[in-house]
Amino acid sequence: MWSLSQVVVNNIAMTTTHDLDFYEWTQAQAKFLQLGQLDLLDLRNLAEEIEDMGRSEKRTLESRIEVLIMHLLKWEFQPNLRSRSWELTIKEQRLRLQSLLDDSPSLKPHLISRLDRIYKLAVIAAERETGLNTFPEICPFAIAQILEG
């Protein structure tokens, strides 16, 4: 894809490249790593991007749990309105969550520590969708119930 000389030339303005063309910057960083040219790495931006990747995984986890809990609340508190769509959303979110936790098992303690906050957001979403305001203040579901049913 790139010759070594192109990679070295691109490193001259690595900070600018990160800011102006993120994809190109990622490719250059990967190439430096593959070639063992650690002295050419943009360490500051690389460290920030790795941290951002971790935060992104946590946000994805929280968002999926929130959607799942919202649908579990709707399922529990509106049994007469249960639909195949809700059932499939619950199944889909559980599968996606399991995949995420399989790839990053260290996220599970984060989920446990943030469950109260995530639950409050799920209640707001459920109230918005249902018009109900009778959901419990404390999450009525154990982690195992949320993740496995």
Protein backbone atom coordinates (compact mmCIF):
# COMPACT_ATOMS: atom_id res chain seq x y z
CA MET A 1 0.00 0.00 0.00
CA TRP A 2 2.65 2.54 1.08
CA SER A 3 6.35 2.38 0.54
CA LEU A 4 8.50 2.87 3.61
CA SER A 5 9.68 6.25 2.28
CA GLN A 6 6.05 7.42 1.93
CA VAL A 7 5.37 6.38 5.51
CA VAL A 8 8.42 8.28 6.77
CA VAL A 9 7.47 11.38 4.76
CA ASN A 10 3.92 11.21 6.12
CA ASN A 11 5.29 11.10 9.68
CA ILE A 12 6.81 14.59 9.34
CA ALA A 13 3.39 16.15 9.98
CA MET A 14 1.94 13.25 11.98
CA THR A 15 -0.03 15.44 14.40
CA THR A 16 -1.52 17.37 11.51
CA THR A 17 -2.23 14.15 9.64
CA HIS A 18 -4.09 12.84 12.70
CA ASP A 19 -6.18 15.99 12.74
CA LEU A 20 -6.70 16.25 8.99
CA ASP A 21 -6.93 12.65 7.79
CA PHE A 22 -7.61 10.21 10.59
CA TYR A 23 -7.78 7.15 8.35
CA GLU A 24 -4.40 7.88 6.77
CA TRP A 25 -2.94 8.45 10.23
CA THR A 26 -4.25 5.08 11.48
CA GLN A 27 -2.73 3.32 8.49
CA ALA A 28 0.64 4.98 9.07
CA GLN A 29 0.57 4.04 12.78
CA ALA A 30 -0.27 0.43 11.91
CA LYS A 31 2.56 0.32 9.39
CA PHE A 32 5.05 1.73 11.92
CA LEU A 33 4.00 -0.94 14.41
CA GLN A 34 4.25 -3.71 11.81
CA LEU A 35 7.72 -2.56 10.79
CA GLY A 36 8.86 -2.18 14.39
CA GLN A 37 9.53 1.53 13.85
CA LEU A 38 8.37 2.54 17.29
CA ASP A 39 10.35 5.79 17.21
CA LEU A 40 8.08 7.01 14.37
CA LEU A 41 4.84 6.44 16.29
CA ASP A 42 2.70 9.40 17.22
CA LEU A 43 2.57 8.22 20.83
CA ARG A 44 0.43 11.02 22.29
CA ASN A 45 -2.34 10.67 19.73
CA LEU A 46 -2.01 6.89 19.64
CA ALA A 47 -2.48 6.69 23.42
CA GLU A 48 -5.53 8.98 23.22
CA GLU A 49 -7.07 6.89 20.46
CA ILE A 50 -6.57 3.67 22.40
CA GLU A 51 -8.23 5.23 25.45
CA ASP A 52 -11.08 6.45 23.24
CA MET A 53 -11.56 2.93 21.90
CA GLY A 54 -12.02 1.67 25.44
CA ARG A 55 -14.50 4.43 26.26
CA SER A 56 -16.37 3.66 23.07
CA GLU A 57 -16.73 0.01 24.09
CA LYS A 58 -18.11 1.11 27.48
CA ARG A 59 -20.59 3.49 25.81
CA THR A 60 -21.72 0.72 23.46
CA LEU A 61 -22.23 -1.62 26.41
CA GLU A 62 -24.23 0.98 28.33
CA SER A 63 -26.36 1.86 25.33
CA ARG A 64 -27.21 -1.76 24.58
CA ILE A 65 -28.05 -2.48 28.22
CA GLU A 66 -30.24 0.61 28.33
CA VAL A 67 -32.20 -0.48 25.25
CA LEU A 68 -32.51 -4.00 26.61
CA ILE A 69 -33.75 -2.86 30.03
CA MET A 70 -36.22 -0.48 28.40
CA HIS A 71 -37.71 -3.35 26.40
CA LEU A 72 -37.71 -5.64 29.45
CA LEU A 73 -39.66 -2.97 31.34
CA LYS A 74 -42.13 -2.59 28.50
CA TRP A 75 -42.46 -6.38 28.32
CA GLU A 76 -43.02 -6.67 32.09
CA PHE A 77 -45.35 -3.70 32.59
CA GLN A 78 -47.35 -3.84 29.36
CA PRO A 79 -48.04 -7.56 28.89
CA ASN A 80 -51.10 -6.85 26.75
CA LEU A 81 -48.94 -4.97 24.24
CA ARG A 82 -46.15 -7.53 23.92
CA SER A 83 -45.06 -7.89 20.35
CA ARG A 84 -42.74 -9.97 18.24
CA SER A 85 -40.74 -6.79 17.66
CA TRP A 86 -40.07 -6.35 21.39
CA GLU A 87 -39.17 -10.03 21.70
CA LEU A 88 -36.72 -9.81 18.81
CA THR A 89 -35.17 -6.61 20.16
CA ILE A 90 -34.62 -8.33 23.52
CA LYS A 91 -33.03 -11.35 21.81
CA GLU A 92 -30.88 -9.17 19.55
CA GLN A 93 -29.59 -6.98 22.38
CA ARG A 94 -28.76 -10.02 24.51
CA LEU A 95 -26.81 -11.61 21.66
CA ARG A 96 -24.95 -8.38 20.90
CA LEU A 97 -24.19 -7.85 24.58
CA GLN A 98 -22.93 -11.39 24.95
CA SER A 99 -20.67 -10.89 21.95
CA LEU A 100 -19.35 -7.63 23.39
CA LEU A 101 -18.72 -9.22 26.79
CA ASP A 102 -17.08 -12.26 25.17
CA ASP A 103 -14.68 -9.94 23.35
CA SER A 104 -14.09 -7.73 26.41
CA PRO A 105 -14.94 -9.63 29.62
CA SER A 106 -13.40 -6.86 31.73
CA LEU A 107 -16.45 -4.72 30.86
CA LYS A 108 -18.77 -6.81 33.05
CA PRO A 109 -17.68 -5.17 36.33
CA HIS A 110 -18.25 -1.79 34.64
CA LEU A 111 -21.77 -2.88 33.78
CA ILE A 112 -22.44 -3.90 37.38
CA SER A 113 -21.07 -0.64 38.78
CA ARG A 114 -23.10 1.50 36.35
CA LEU A 115 -26.36 -0.47 36.41
CA ASP A 116 -28.22 2.05 38.59
CA ARG A 117 -27.40 4.94 36.26
CA ILE A 118 -28.17 2.89 33.14
CA TYR A 119 -31.45 1.76 34.69
CA LYS A 120 -32.52 5.37 35.33
CA LEU A 121 -31.93 6.19 31.67
CA ALA A 122 -33.85 3.10 30.60
CA VAL A 123 -36.79 4.16 32.77
CA ILE A 124 -36.84 7.59 31.13
CA ALA A 125 -36.87 5.95 27.70
CA ALA A 126 -39.58 3.49 28.74
CA GLU A 127 -41.71 6.29 30.21
CA ARG A 128 -41.30 8.27 27.00
CA GLU A 129 -42.39 5.31 24.86
CA THR A 130 -45.20 4.00 27.06
CA GLY A 131 -46.58 7.05 28.81
CA LEU A 132 -46.39 5.08 32.06
CA ASN A 133 -44.71 6.46 35.16
CA THR A 134 -45.07 3.41 37.40
CA PHE A 135 -41.70 1.76 36.89
CA PRO A 136 -39.74 0.78 40.02
CA GLU A 137 -37.09 3.20 41.24
CA ILE A 138 -34.59 0.34 41.62
CA CYS A 139 -33.86 -2.06 38.79
CA PRO A 140 -36.10 -5.11 39.26
CA PHE A 141 -33.83 -7.31 37.17
CA ALA A 142 -30.66 -9.09 38.24
CA ILE A 143 -27.71 -8.92 35.83
CA ALA A 144 -28.26 -12.58 34.92
CA GLN A 145 -31.91 -11.86 34.06
CA ILE A 146 -30.92 -8.92 31.92
CA LEU A 147 -28.23 -10.77 30.03
CA GLU A 148 -29.71 -14.24 29.77
CA GLY A 149 -33.43 -14.01 30.36
